[in-house]
Amino acid sequence: MARALVHMPKTAKQGEVIEIRALIAHPMESGYRPGADGKPLPQDIIRRFACRYDGEQVFAAELHPAISANPYIAFFTVATKTGMLEFSWAGDNGFSQTERIALTVTP
């Protein structure tokens, strides 16, 4: 399991725009770089990132071989109600990871 770091406020006022930053430790091998034997190393990248807020998708991104190792993604959303944010990464070789963080919204 890869190490994921998500930075976001634990609380927000209703209607407030919040910034969410997510980083996951992953080598992101493009498939173009030669190995010690001169043959290209097999591709191993994260292909998709998505964030759901109380079951509704609020952000998604498709990632490609040009993305750096340990991809960092930052985005904004509006705090509408108290709920759970679910962050999902999926990639090559069956890679899949999900993190969940609660957000408390006050009136």
PDB file of N, CA and C in Angstrom:
ATOM      1  N   MET A   1       0.846  -1.178   0.000  1.00  0.00           N
ATOM      2  CA  MET A   1       0.000   0.000   0.000  1.00  0.00           C
ATOM      3  C   MET A   1       0.892   1.242   0.000  1.00  0.00           C
ATOM      4  N   ALA A   2       0.589   2.170  -0.861  1.00  0.00           N
ATOM      5  CA  ALA A   2       1.355   3.406  -0.976  1.00  0.00           C
ATOM      6  C   ALA A   2       0.984   4.366   0.149  1.00  0.00           C
ATOM      7  N   ARG A   3       1.882   5.263   0.437  1.00  0.00           N
ATOM      8  CA  ARG A   3       1.627   6.269   1.461  1.00  0.00           C
ATOM      9  C   ARG A   3       0.938   7.468   0.814  1.00  0.00           C
ATOM     10  N   ALA A   4      -0.243   7.800   1.303  1.00  0.00           N
ATOM     11  CA  ALA A   4      -1.007   8.936   0.780  1.00  0.00           C
ATOM     12  C   ALA A   4      -1.097  10.016   1.850  1.00  0.00           C
ATOM     13  N   LEU A   5      -0.926  11.254   1.438  1.00  0.00           N
ATOM     14  CA  LEU A   5      -1.072  12.399   2.327  1.00  0.00           C
ATOM     15  C   LEU A   5      -2.153  13.309   1.761  1.00  0.00           C
ATOM     16  N   VAL A   6      -3.139  13.621   2.570  1.00  0.00           N
ATOM     17  CA  VAL A   6      -4.210  14.527   2.152  1.00  0.00           C
ATOM     18  C   VAL A   6      -4.268  15.656   3.166  1.00  0.00           C
ATOM     19  N   HIS A   7      -4.206  16.883   2.667  1.00  0.00           N
ATOM     20  CA  HIS A   7      -4.262  18.051   3.540  1.00  0.00           C
ATOM     21  C   HIS A   7      -5.529  18.831   3.197  1.00  0.00           C
ATOM     22  N   MET A   8      -6.384  18.995   4.193  1.00  0.00           N
ATOM     23  CA  MET A   8      -7.628  19.747   4.021  1.00  0.00           C
ATOM     24  C   MET A   8      -8.103  20.176   5.400  1.00  0.00           C
ATOM     25  N   PRO A   9      -8.946  21.202   5.488  1.00  0.00           N
ATOM     26  CA  PRO A   9      -9.459  21.581   6.807  1.00  0.00           C
ATOM     27  C   PRO A   9     -10.379  20.516   7.373  1.00  0.00           C
ATOM     28  N   LYS A  10     -10.394  20.382   8.679  1.00  0.00           N
ATOM     29  CA  LYS A  10     -11.306  19.441   9.350  1.00  0.00           C
ATOM     30  C   LYS A  10     -12.696  20.040   9.495  1.00  0.00           C
ATOM     31  N   THR A  11     -12.762  21.381   9.570  1.00  0.00           N
ATOM     32  CA  THR A  11     -14.034  22.088   9.699  1.00  0.00           C
ATOM     33  C   THR A  11     -14.077  23.247   8.712  1.00  0.00           C
ATOM     34  N   ALA A  12     -15.288  23.633   8.329  1.00  0.00           N
ATOM     35  CA  ALA A  12     -15.487  24.769   7.430  1.00  0.00           C
ATOM     36  C   ALA A  12     -16.889  25.307   7.651  1.00  0.00           C
ATOM     37  N   LYS A  13     -17.093  26.564   7.273  1.00  0.00           N
ATOM     38  CA  LYS A  13     -18.425  27.152   7.328  1.00  0.00           C
ATOM     39  C   LYS A  13     -19.185  26.769   6.062  1.00  0.00           C
ATOM     40  N   GLN A  14     -20.489  26.644   6.179  1.00  0.00           N
ATOM     41  CA  GLN A  14     -21.319  26.283   5.032  1.00  0.00           C
ATOM     42  C   GLN A  14     -21.133  27.315   3.924  1.00  0.00           C
ATOM     43  N   GLY A  15     -20.870  26.841   2.713  1.00  0.00           N
ATOM     44  CA  GLY A  15     -20.659  27.716   1.564  1.00  0.00           C
ATOM     45  C   GLY A  15     -19.219  28.148   1.372  1.00  0.00           C
ATOM     46  N   GLU A  16     -18.352  27.834   2.310  1.00  0.00           N
ATOM     47  CA  GLU A  16     -16.939  28.221   2.216  1.00  0.00           C
ATOM     48  C   GLU A  16     -16.227  27.361   1.161  1.00  0.00           C
ATOM     49  N   VAL A  17     -15.352  27.997   0.395  1.00  0.00           N
ATOM     50  CA  VAL A  17     -14.534  27.283  -0.581  1.00  0.00           C
ATOM     51  C   VAL A  17     -13.295  26.784   0.158  1.00  0.00           C
ATOM     52  N   ILE A  18     -13.043  25.474   0.070  1.00  0.00           N
ATOM     53  CA  ILE A  18     -11.885  24.907   0.762  1.00  0.00           C
ATOM     54  C   ILE A  18     -10.905  24.331  -0.254  1.00  0.00           C
ATOM     55  N   GLU A  19      -9.624  24.400   0.104  1.00  0.00           N
ATOM     56  CA  GLU A  19      -8.587  23.817  -0.745  1.00  0.00           C
ATOM     57  C   GLU A  19      -8.248  22.429  -0.220  1.00  0.00           C
ATOM     58  N   ILE A  20      -8.084  21.501  -1.143  1.00  0.00           N
ATOM     59  CA  ILE A  20      -7.721  20.134  -0.806  1.00  0.00           C
ATOM     60  C   ILE A  20      -6.452  19.799  -1.590  1.00  0.00           C
ATOM     61  N   ARG A  21      -5.465  19.250  -0.880  1.00  0.00           N
ATOM     62  CA  ARG A  21      -4.199  18.872  -1.511  1.00  0.00           C
ATOM     63  C   ARG A  21      -3.941  17.395  -1.213  1.00  0.00           C
ATOM     64  N   ALA A  22      -3.643  16.636  -2.257  1.00  0.00           N
ATOM     65  CA  ALA A  22      -3.418  15.201  -2.106  1.00  0.00           C
ATOM     66  C   ALA A  22      -2.111  14.806  -2.788  1.00  0.00           C
ATOM     67  N   LEU A  23      -1.343  13.978  -2.112  1.00  0.00           N
ATOM     68  CA  LEU A  23      -0.085  13.472  -2.643  1.00  0.00           C
ATOM     69  C   LEU A  23      -0.022  11.979  -2.320  1.00  0.00           C
ATOM     70  N   ILE A  24       0.464  11.199  -3.260  1.00  0.00           N
ATOM     71  CA  ILE A  24       0.622   9.767  -3.006  1.00  0.00           C
ATOM     72  C   ILE A  24       2.018   9.343  -3.449  1.00  0.00           C
ATOM     73  N   ALA A  25       2.658   8.518  -2.631  1.00  0.00           N
ATOM     74  CA  ALA A  25       3.986   8.005  -2.949  1.00  0.00           C
ATOM     75  C   ALA A  25       3.840   6.888  -3.982  1.00  0.00           C
ATOM     76  N   HIS A  26       4.374   7.110  -5.178  1.00  0.00           N
ATOM     77  CA  HIS A  26       4.297   6.127  -6.256  1.00  0.00           C
ATOM     78  C   HIS A  26       5.410   6.443  -7.249  1.00  0.00           C
ATOM     79  N   PRO A  27       6.155   5.438  -7.736  1.00  0.00           N
ATOM     80  CA  PRO A  27       7.294   5.711  -8.626  1.00  0.00           C
ATOM     81  C   PRO A  27       6.928   6.238 -10.011  1.00  0.00           C
ATOM     82  N   MET A  28       5.721   5.954 -10.501  1.00  0.00           N
ATOM     83  CA  MET A  28       5.256   6.435 -11.819  1.00  0.00           C
ATOM     84  C   MET A  28       6.276   6.153 -12.929  1.00  0.00           C
ATOM     85  N   GLU A  29       6.515   4.892 -13.210  1.00  0.00           N
ATOM     86  CA  GLU A  29       7.431   4.497 -14.287  1.00  0.00           C
ATOM     87  C   GLU A  29       6.715   4.638 -15.629  1.00  0.00           C
ATOM     88  N   SER A  30       7.280   5.470 -16.520  1.00  0.00           N
ATOM     89  CA  SER A  30       6.626   5.816 -17.786  1.00  0.00           C
ATOM     90  C   SER A  30       6.572   4.687 -18.805  1.00  0.00           C
ATOM     91  N   GLY A  31       7.495   3.748 -18.736  1.00  0.00           N
ATOM     92  CA  GLY A  31       7.561   2.696 -19.746  1.00  0.00           C
ATOM     93  C   GLY A  31       8.486   3.054 -20.890  1.00  0.00           C
ATOM     94  N   TYR A  32       9.083   4.231 -20.860  1.00  0.00           N
ATOM     95  CA  TYR A  32       9.990   4.679 -21.910  1.00  0.00           C
ATOM     96  C   TYR A  32      11.454   4.621 -21.478  1.00  0.00           C
ATOM     97  N   ARG A  33      11.707   4.545 -20.192  1.00  0.00           N
ATOM     98  CA  ARG A  33      13.072   4.594 -19.676  1.00  0.00           C
ATOM     99  C   ARG A  33      13.711   3.205 -19.770  1.00  0.00           C
ATOM    100  N   PRO A  34      14.964   3.121 -20.247  1.00  0.00           N
ATOM    101  CA  PRO A  34      15.605   1.809 -20.345  1.00  0.00           C
ATOM    102  C   PRO A  34      16.103   1.325 -18.982  1.00  0.00           C
ATOM    103  N   GLY A  35      16.028   0.015 -18.790  1.00  0.00           N
ATOM    104  CA  GLY A  35      16.552  -0.600 -17.583  1.00  0.00           C
ATOM    105  C   GLY A  35      18.015  -0.947 -17.759  1.00  0.00           C
ATOM    106  N   ALA A  36      18.583  -1.675 -16.815  1.00  0.00           N
ATOM    107  CA  ALA A  36      19.993  -2.058 -16.857  1.00  0.00           C
ATOM    108  C   ALA A  36      20.313  -2.916 -18.079  1.00  0.00           C
ATOM    109  N   ASP A  37      19.334  -3.674 -18.564  1.00  0.00           N
ATOM    110  CA  ASP A  37      19.550  -4.532 -19.728  1.00  0.00           C
ATOM    111  C   ASP A  37      19.295  -3.805 -21.053  1.00  0.00           C
ATOM    112  N   GLY A  38      18.943  -2.535 -20.988  1.00  0.00           N
ATOM    113  CA  GLY A  38      18.697  -1.744 -22.192  1.00  0.00           C
ATOM    114  C   GLY A  38      17.263  -1.799 -22.692  1.00  0.00           C
ATOM    115  N   LYS A  39      16.456  -2.695 -22.149  1.00  0.00           N
ATOM    116  CA  LYS A  39      15.051  -2.807 -22.541  1.00  0.00           C
ATOM    117  C   LYS A  39      14.220  -1.830 -21.707  1.00  0.00           C
ATOM    118  N   PRO A  40      13.140  -1.308 -22.282  1.00  0.00           N
ATOM    119  CA  PRO A  40      12.304  -0.373 -21.509  1.00  0.00           C
ATOM    120  C   PRO A  40      11.728  -1.042 -20.259  1.00  0.00           C
ATOM    121  N   LEU A  41      11.746  -0.307 -19.163  1.00  0.00           N
ATOM    122  CA  LEU A  41      11.121  -0.780 -17.929  1.00  0.00           C
ATOM    123  C   LEU A  41       9.609  -0.803 -18.140  1.00  0.00           C
ATOM    124  N   PRO A  42       8.903  -1.763 -17.565  1.00  0.00           N
ATOM    125  CA  PRO A  42       7.449  -1.822 -17.756  1.00  0.00           C
ATOM    126  C   PRO A  42       6.746  -0.591 -17.183  1.00  0.00           C
ATOM    127  N   GLN A  43       5.720  -0.149 -17.877  1.00  0.00           N
ATOM    128  CA  GLN A  43       4.959   1.009 -17.423  1.00  0.00           C
ATOM    129  C   GLN A  43       4.228   0.676 -16.128  1.00  0.00           C
ATOM    130  N   ASP A  44       4.269   1.604 -15.184  1.00  0.00           N
ATOM    131  CA  ASP A  44       3.584   1.451 -13.895  1.00  0.00           C
ATOM    132  C   ASP A  44       3.202   2.847 -13.416  1.00  0.00           C
ATOM    133  N   ILE A  45       2.005   3.285 -13.781  1.00  0.00           N
ATOM    134  CA  ILE A  45       1.572   4.634 -13.412  1.00  0.00           C
ATOM    135  C   ILE A  45       0.201   4.596 -12.742  1.00  0.00           C
ATOM    136  N   ILE A  46      -0.098   5.657 -12.041  1.00  0.00           N
ATOM    137  CA  ILE A  46      -1.447   5.871 -11.538  1.00  0.00           C
ATOM    138  C   ILE A  46      -2.218   6.481 -12.701  1.00  0.00           C
ATOM    139  N   ARG A  47      -3.329   5.896 -13.043  1.00  0.00           N
ATOM    140  CA  ARG A  47      -4.087   6.347 -14.210  1.00  0.00           C
ATOM    141  C   ARG A  47      -5.251   7.267 -13.875  1.00  0.00           C
ATOM    142  N   ARG A  48      -5.780   7.156 -12.657  1.00  0.00           N
ATOM    143  CA  ARG A  48      -6.970   7.945 -12.330  1.00  0.00           C
ATOM    144  C   ARG A  48      -6.976   8.333 -10.864  1.00  0.00           C
ATOM    145  N   PHE A  49      -7.391   9.562 -10.614  1.00  0.00           N
ATOM    146  CA  PHE A  49      -7.608  10.067  -9.266  1.00  0.00           C
ATOM    147  C   PHE A  49      -9.014  10.643  -9.231  1.00  0.00           C
ATOM    148  N   ALA A  50      -9.737  10.395  -8.148  1.00  0.00           N
ATOM    149  CA  ALA A  50     -11.085  10.962  -8.009  1.00  0.00           C
ATOM    150  C   ALA A  50     -11.346  11.282  -6.546  1.00  0.00           C
ATOM    151  N   CYS A  51     -12.152  12.318  -6.326  1.00  0.00           N
ATOM    152  CA  CYS A  51     -12.583  12.688  -4.981  1.00  0.00           C
ATOM    153  C   CYS A  51     -14.101  12.758  -4.975  1.00  0.00           C
ATOM    154  N   ARG A  52     -14.683  12.078  -4.002  1.00  0.00           N
ATOM    155  CA  ARG A  52     -16.139  12.106  -3.821  1.00  0.00           C
ATOM    156  C   ARG A  52     -16.432  12.752  -2.471  1.00  0.00           C
ATOM    157  N   TYR A  53     -17.437  13.623  -2.468  1.00  0.00           N
ATOM    158  CA  TYR A  53     -17.858  14.325  -1.255  1.00  0.00           C
ATOM    159  C   TYR A  53     -19.269  13.862  -0.963  1.00  0.00           C
ATOM    160  N   ASP A  54     -19.423  13.093   0.086  1.00  0.00           N
ATOM    161  CA  ASP A  54     -20.718  12.521   0.474  1.00  0.00           C
ATOM    162  C   ASP A  54     -21.353  11.761  -0.695  1.00  0.00           C
ATOM    163  N   GLY A  55     -20.534  10.997  -1.426  1.00  0.00           N
ATOM    164  CA  GLY A  55     -21.015  10.171  -2.524  1.00  0.00           C
ATOM    165  C   GLY A  55     -21.041  10.834  -3.882  1.00  0.00           C
ATOM    166  N   GLU A  56     -20.889  12.152  -3.944  1.00  0.00           N
ATOM    167  CA  GLU A  56     -20.921  12.877  -5.221  1.00  0.00           C
ATOM    168  C   GLU A  56     -19.504  13.234  -5.644  1.00  0.00           C
ATOM    169  N   GLN A  57     -19.158  12.904  -6.884  1.00  0.00           N
ATOM    170  CA  GLN A  57     -17.820  13.223  -7.376  1.00  0.00           C
ATOM    171  C   GLN A  57     -17.663  14.733  -7.534  1.00  0.00           C
ATOM    172  N   VAL A  58     -16.624  15.291  -6.903  1.00  0.00           N
ATOM    173  CA  VAL A  58     -16.375  16.733  -6.985  1.00  0.00           C
ATOM    174  C   VAL A  58     -15.114  17.055  -7.782  1.00  0.00           C
ATOM    175  N   PHE A  59     -14.264  16.039  -7.999  1.00  0.00           N
ATOM    176  CA  PHE A  59     -13.045  16.252  -8.775  1.00  0.00           C
ATOM    177  C   PHE A  59     -12.553  14.908  -9.289  1.00  0.00           C
ATOM    178  N   ALA A  60     -12.044  14.891 -10.522  1.00  0.00           N
ATOM    179  CA  ALA A  60     -11.432  13.692 -11.079  1.00  0.00           C
ATOM    180  C   ALA A  60     -10.350  14.108 -12.069  1.00  0.00           C
ATOM    181  N   ALA A  61      -9.339  13.269 -12.208  1.00  0.00           N
ATOM    182  CA  ALA A  61      -8.255  13.536 -13.148  1.00  0.00           C
ATOM    183  C   ALA A  61      -7.758  12.227 -13.732  1.00  0.00           C
ATOM    184  N   GLU A  62      -7.467  12.243 -15.029  1.00  0.00           N
ATOM    185  CA  GLU A  62      -6.812  11.121 -15.681  1.00  0.00           C
ATOM    186  C   GLU A  62      -5.336  11.475 -15.756  1.00  0.00           C
ATOM    187  N   LEU A  63      -4.489  10.553 -15.322  1.00  0.00           N
ATOM    188  CA  LEU A  63      -3.057  10.793 -15.314  1.00  0.00           C
ATOM    189  C   LEU A  63      -2.395   9.990 -16.430  1.00  0.00           C
ATOM    190  N   HIS A  64      -1.291  10.499 -16.946  1.00  0.00           N
ATOM    191  CA  HIS A  64      -0.595   9.901 -18.087  1.00  0.00           C
ATOM    192  C   HIS A  64       0.879   9.724 -17.750  1.00  0.00           C
ATOM    193  N   PRO A  65       1.657   9.018 -18.589  1.00  0.00           N
ATOM    194  CA  PRO A  65       3.054   8.748 -18.278  1.00  0.00           C
ATOM    195  C   PRO A  65       3.914   9.980 -18.006  1.00  0.00           C
ATOM    196  N   ALA A  66       3.535  11.147 -18.463  1.00  0.00           N
ATOM    197  CA  ALA A  66       4.339  12.346 -18.254  1.00  0.00           C
ATOM    198  C   ALA A  66       4.221  12.909 -16.830  1.00  0.00           C
ATOM    199  N   ILE A  67       3.314  12.389 -16.018  1.00  0.00           N
ATOM    200  CA  ILE A  67       3.156  12.857 -14.638  1.00  0.00           C
ATOM    201  C   ILE A  67       4.341  12.378 -13.815  1.00  0.00           C
ATOM    202  N   SER A  68       4.836  13.224 -12.941  1.00  0.00           N
ATOM    203  CA  SER A  68       6.010  12.887 -12.141  1.00  0.00           C
ATOM    204  C   SER A  68       5.710  11.825 -11.085  1.00  0.00           C
ATOM    205  N   ALA A  69       6.766  11.281 -10.533  1.00  0.00           N
ATOM    206  CA  ALA A  69       6.631  10.355  -9.410  1.00  0.00           C
ATOM    207  C   ALA A  69       5.983  11.102  -8.250  1.00  0.00           C
ATOM    208  N   ASN A  70       5.312  10.371  -7.387  1.00  0.00           N
ATOM    209  CA  ASN A  70       4.639  10.948  -6.222  1.00  0.00           C
ATOM    210  C   ASN A  70       3.707  12.094  -6.628  1.00  0.00           C
ATOM    211  N   PRO A  71       2.716  11.813  -7.467  1.00  0.00           N
ATOM    212  CA  PRO A  71       1.862  12.882  -7.988  1.00  0.00           C
ATOM    213  C   PRO A  71       1.130  13.672  -6.897  1.00  0.00           C
ATOM    214  N   TYR A  72       1.168  14.991  -7.072  1.00  0.00           N
ATOM    215  CA  TYR A  72       0.544  15.950  -6.160  1.00  0.00           C
ATOM    216  C   TYR A  72      -0.592  16.618  -6.908  1.00  0.00           C
ATOM    217  N   ILE A  73      -1.776  16.622  -6.302  1.00  0.00           N
ATOM    218  CA  ILE A  73      -2.957  17.216  -6.934  1.00  0.00           C
ATOM    219  C   ILE A  73      -3.603  18.162  -5.942  1.00  0.00           C
ATOM    220  N   ALA A  74      -3.930  19.373  -6.389  1.00  0.00           N
ATOM    221  CA  ALA A  74      -4.605  20.366  -5.536  1.00  0.00           C
ATOM    222  C   ALA A  74      -5.843  20.854  -6.267  1.00  0.00           C
ATOM    223  N   PHE A  75      -6.931  21.020  -5.523  1.00  0.00           N
ATOM    224  CA  PHE A  75      -8.187  21.493  -6.103  1.00  0.00           C
ATOM    225  C   PHE A  75      -9.034  22.119  -5.001  1.00  0.00           C
ATOM    226  N   PHE A  76     -10.133  22.736  -5.402  1.00  0.00           N
ATOM    227  CA  PHE A  76     -11.033  23.407  -4.474  1.00  0.00           C
ATOM    228  C   PHE A  76     -12.429  22.799  -4.587  1.00  0.00           C
ATOM    229  N   THR A  77     -13.182  22.859  -3.500  1.00  0.00           N
ATOM    230  CA  THR A  77     -14.586  22.485  -3.515  1.00  0.00           C
ATOM    231  C   THR A  77     -15.319  23.354  -2.493  1.00  0.00           C
ATOM    232  N   VAL A  78     -16.631  23.350  -2.543  1.00  0.00           N
ATOM    233  CA  VAL A  78     -17.448  24.140  -1.622  1.00  0.00           C
ATOM    234  C   VAL A  78     -17.962  23.232  -0.509  1.00  0.00           C
ATOM    235  N   ALA A  79     -17.788  23.671   0.726  1.00  0.00           N
ATOM    236  CA  ALA A  79     -18.290  22.921   1.880  1.00  0.00           C
ATOM    237  C   ALA A  79     -19.795  23.136   1.970  1.00  0.00           C
ATOM    238  N   THR A  80     -20.558  22.092   1.706  1.00  0.00           N
ATOM    239  CA  THR A  80     -22.012  22.227   1.702  1.00  0.00           C
ATOM    240  C   THR A  80     -22.664  21.620   2.937  1.00  0.00           C
ATOM    241  N   LYS A  81     -22.143  20.467   3.386  1.00  0.00           N
ATOM    242  CA  LYS A  81     -22.707  19.807   4.558  1.00  0.00           C
ATOM    243  C   LYS A  81     -21.655  18.891   5.182  1.00  0.00           C
ATOM    244  N   THR A  82     -21.866  18.540   6.417  1.00  0.00           N
ATOM    245  CA  THR A  82     -20.971  17.623   7.101  1.00  0.00           C
ATOM    246  C   THR A  82     -21.015  16.278   6.387  1.00  0.00           C
ATOM    247  N   GLY A  83     -19.847  15.736   6.119  1.00  0.00           N
ATOM    248  CA  GLY A  83     -19.807  14.458   5.412  1.00  0.00           C
ATOM    249  C   GLY A  83     -18.398  13.944   5.258  1.00  0.00           C
ATOM    250  N   MET A  84     -18.293  12.889   4.491  1.00  0.00           N
ATOM    251  CA  MET A  84     -17.029  12.205   4.265  1.00  0.00           C
ATOM    252  C   MET A  84     -16.516  12.509   2.869  1.00  0.00           C
ATOM    253  N   LEU A  85     -15.214  12.802   2.765  1.00  0.00           N
ATOM    254  CA  LEU A  85     -14.559  12.934   1.467  1.00  0.00           C
ATOM    255  C   LEU A  85     -13.751  11.668   1.240  1.00  0.00           C
ATOM    256  N   GLU A  86     -13.916  11.092   0.064  1.00  0.00           N
ATOM    257  CA  GLU A  86     -13.244   9.848  -0.280  1.00  0.00           C
ATOM    258  C   GLU A  86     -12.311  10.112  -1.453  1.00  0.00           C
ATOM    259  N   PHE A  87     -11.056   9.785  -1.284  1.00  0.00           N
ATOM    260  CA  PHE A  87     -10.022  10.000  -2.291  1.00  0.00           C
ATOM    261  C   PHE A  87      -9.585   8.646  -2.828  1.00  0.00           C
ATOM    262  N   SER A  88      -9.645   8.459  -4.157  1.00  0.00           N
ATOM    263  CA  SER A  88      -9.317   7.168  -4.759  1.00  0.00           C
ATOM    264  C   SER A  88      -8.289   7.333  -5.863  1.00  0.00           C
ATOM    265  N   TRP A  89      -7.283   6.483  -5.816  1.00  0.00           N
ATOM    266  CA  TRP A  89      -6.265   6.404  -6.849  1.00  0.00           C
ATOM    267  C   TRP A  89      -6.332   5.011  -7.453  1.00  0.00           C
ATOM    268  N   ALA A  90      -6.194   4.886  -8.787  1.00  0.00           N
ATOM    269  CA  ALA A  90      -6.189   3.589  -9.459  1.00  0.00           C
ATOM    270  C   ALA A  90      -5.145   3.622 -10.566  1.00  0.00           C
ATOM    271  N   GLY A  91      -4.461   2.494 -10.751  1.00  0.00           N
ATOM    272  CA  GLY A  91      -3.404   2.482 -11.754  1.00  0.00           C
ATOM    273  C   GLY A  91      -3.089   1.107 -12.286  1.00  0.00           C
ATOM    274  N   ASP A  92      -1.915   1.011 -12.909  1.00  0.00           N
ATOM    275  CA  ASP A  92      -1.458  -0.225 -13.523  1.00  0.00           C
ATOM    276  C   ASP A  92      -1.197  -1.302 -12.470  1.00  0.00           C
ATOM    277  N   ASN A  93      -1.150  -2.535 -12.942  1.00  0.00           N
ATOM    278  CA  ASN A  93      -0.826  -3.699 -12.108  1.00  0.00           C
ATOM    279  C   ASN A  93      -1.775  -3.860 -10.930  1.00  0.00           C
ATOM    280  N   GLY A  94      -3.027  -3.457 -11.118  1.00  0.00           N
ATOM    281  CA  GLY A  94      -4.034  -3.619 -10.069  1.00  0.00           C
ATOM    282  C   GLY A  94      -3.910  -2.637  -8.916  1.00  0.00           C
ATOM    283  N   PHE A  95      -3.119  -1.579  -9.085  1.00  0.00           N
ATOM    284  CA  PHE A  95      -2.944  -0.607  -8.007  1.00  0.00           C
ATOM    285  C   PHE A  95      -4.263   0.108  -7.713  1.00  0.00           C
ATOM    286  N   SER A  96      -4.615   0.174  -6.454  1.00  0.00           N
ATOM    287  CA  SER A  96      -5.821   0.868  -6.022  1.00  0.00           C
ATOM    288  C   SER A  96      -5.666   1.261  -4.562  1.00  0.00           C
ATOM    289  N   GLN A  97      -6.002   2.485  -4.257  1.00  0.00           N
ATOM    290  CA  GLN A  97      -5.948   2.938  -2.875  1.00  0.00           C
ATOM    291  C   GLN A  97      -7.028   3.978  -2.642  1.00  0.00           C
ATOM    292  N   THR A  98      -7.629   3.919  -1.450  1.00  0.00           N
ATOM    293  CA  THR A  98      -8.681   4.853  -1.073  1.00  0.00           C
ATOM    294  C   THR A  98      -8.412   5.371   0.326  1.00  0.00           C
ATOM    295  N   GLU A  99      -8.574   6.671   0.503  1.00  0.00           N
ATOM    296  CA  GLU A  99      -8.460   7.317   1.815  1.00  0.00           C
ATOM    297  C   GLU A  99      -9.761   8.071   2.059  1.00  0.00           C
ATOM    298  N   ARG A 100     -10.169   8.156   3.318  1.00  0.00           N
ATOM    299  CA  ARG A 100     -11.395   8.881   3.672  1.00  0.00           C
ATOM    300  C   ARG A 100     -11.097   9.856   4.812  1.00  0.00           C
ATOM    301  N   ILE A 101     -11.650  11.063   4.685  1.00  0.00           N
ATOM    302  CA  ILE A 101     -11.489  12.086   5.711  1.00  0.00           C
ATOM    303  C   ILE A 101     -12.822  12.778   5.917  1.00  0.00           C
ATOM    304  N   ALA A 102     -13.181  12.977   7.193  1.00  0.00           N
ATOM    305  CA  ALA A 102     -14.441  13.634   7.528  1.00  0.00           C
ATOM    306  C   ALA A 102     -14.278  15.155   7.489  1.00  0.00           C
ATOM    307  N   LEU A 103     -15.334  15.829   7.064  1.00  0.00           N
ATOM    308  CA  LEU A 103     -15.398  17.295   7.067  1.00  0.00           C
ATOM    309  C   LEU A 103     -16.625  17.695   7.854  1.00  0.00           C
ATOM    310  N   THR A 104     -16.442  18.542   8.860  1.00  0.00           N
ATOM    311  CA  THR A 104     -17.558  19.052   9.659  1.00  0.00           C
ATOM    312  C   THR A 104     -17.885  20.450   9.173  1.00  0.00           C
ATOM    313  N   VAL A 105     -19.123  20.662   8.788  1.00  0.00           N
ATOM    314  CA  VAL A 105     -19.566  21.961   8.271  1.00  0.00           C
ATOM    315  C   VAL A 105     -20.491  22.610   9.299  1.00  0.00           C
ATOM    316  N   THR A 106     -20.199  23.873   9.619  1.00  0.00           N
ATOM    317  CA  THR A 106     -21.023  24.634  10.571  1.00  0.00           C
ATOM    318  C   THR A 106     -21.786  25.718   9.832  1.00  0.00           C
ATOM    319  N   PRO A 107     -22.968  26.085  10.333  1.00  0.00           N
ATOM    320  CA  PRO A 107     -23.765  27.123   9.648  1.00  0.00           C
ATOM    321  C   PRO A 107     -23.136  28.495   9.725  1.00  0.00           C
TER     322      PRO A 107
END
